[in-house]
Amino acid sequence: MGEYRQAQIKRNLELRARIIQAIRTFFIDRKFLEVETPIRIPAPAPEAHINAVFTNDWFLQTSPELCMKQLLAAGFSRIFQICKCFRHEERGAKHLPELTMLEWYHSGCTYMNLMDDCEDLICFVARLVNGNDRIRYRGREIHLANPWTRMPVAAAFHQFASMTMEKALEKDCFDEIMVNDIEPNLGSPTPLFLYDYPASCGALARLKPQNDLLAERFELYIAGIELCNGFSELTDPVEQKARFEKEQQQRKSFGQPVYPMPQKFLRVLKDMPEAGGNALGIDRLVMLFCDTAEIDEVVTFTPEEL
């Protein structure tokens, strides 16, 4: 049995199962409905930097977002889903082309409420699987019980980068600076929410009413690892279509396939209530609890093993 990689990471896989069970308990206890939506869809959200996997004339979902928002429009106010998502050619220490995603949506709440949800969820999981409010990761102890830090993106550029957020956008190096200069400094010894992203970095997020240069979007970082992406949802179909068209133009300029417009989603968006939604990478969450820097150590099979 020793030659099997899966046998060597059995403890991690057992912990993974307990974490997923804890996540389900958290949401069911709070009266969220667990839903399932199709993995194969006719059109993904046409985001410039996320590439979908083709399957005949349709696509494997990059996220269940569009279908779950249609359920919000149909009157479901609290929903969550744990599912497989697919990103073309994403592979690395923290990336897989097939990943496990937790997404939840709650009508009547904003991105600020979702940050509270994240704190409650991860503390709940830690207490259930660890018996305390701490995670030890790569020699660092992360204190989950402390108040979590909330930092605007502009402030993170001021503190950690060599230029302002506005200058990085102008020079088209925003993502590069985020990855190399800012992210490694975030989320230790307490988790950190990075929020209020530039409007151009939130294709499906509502803009701040008092400042339409910023999107009501956040990401959570723990020990330098990005865990989730949440926002107050955009519910204006005209504005959403215009943003999708802009994303399609960017994809074309990058030489990437231009995806069909998700017309059914746009048609029902007018019926969607004000809501917040969040997508959290379960594989990365398990990495934190298993104290491993390699995503391969927390999944049963890697693409190369198939």
Foldseek 3Di string as FASTA:
>chain_A
DVVALCVVLVVLQVLLVLLVVLLVVVQVVVVAAEDDDDQKAQFEQLFQPFAFDDDPNITGYQDCVLVVLLVLLVPRAKYKYWDWHATPPWDDQPTARIFIKIKIKGFPDWLVVVVVVVLVSLQSSCCRSVVHQWFQAPNAIAGSVDDAAEEEPQVQCVVWNPDGCVVCVVVVCNVVCCLPTRLQVAAPNYKYKYFFAALLPCLFFDADPVDNRTGGKIWIHHNSDTWKIKGWGDLQLVSSVVSSVVSQVSNVVVVHDRTDDPVVSSVSSNSRHGMMMMMGGSLVVSCRRVNHSGSCSNDSDGPVRD
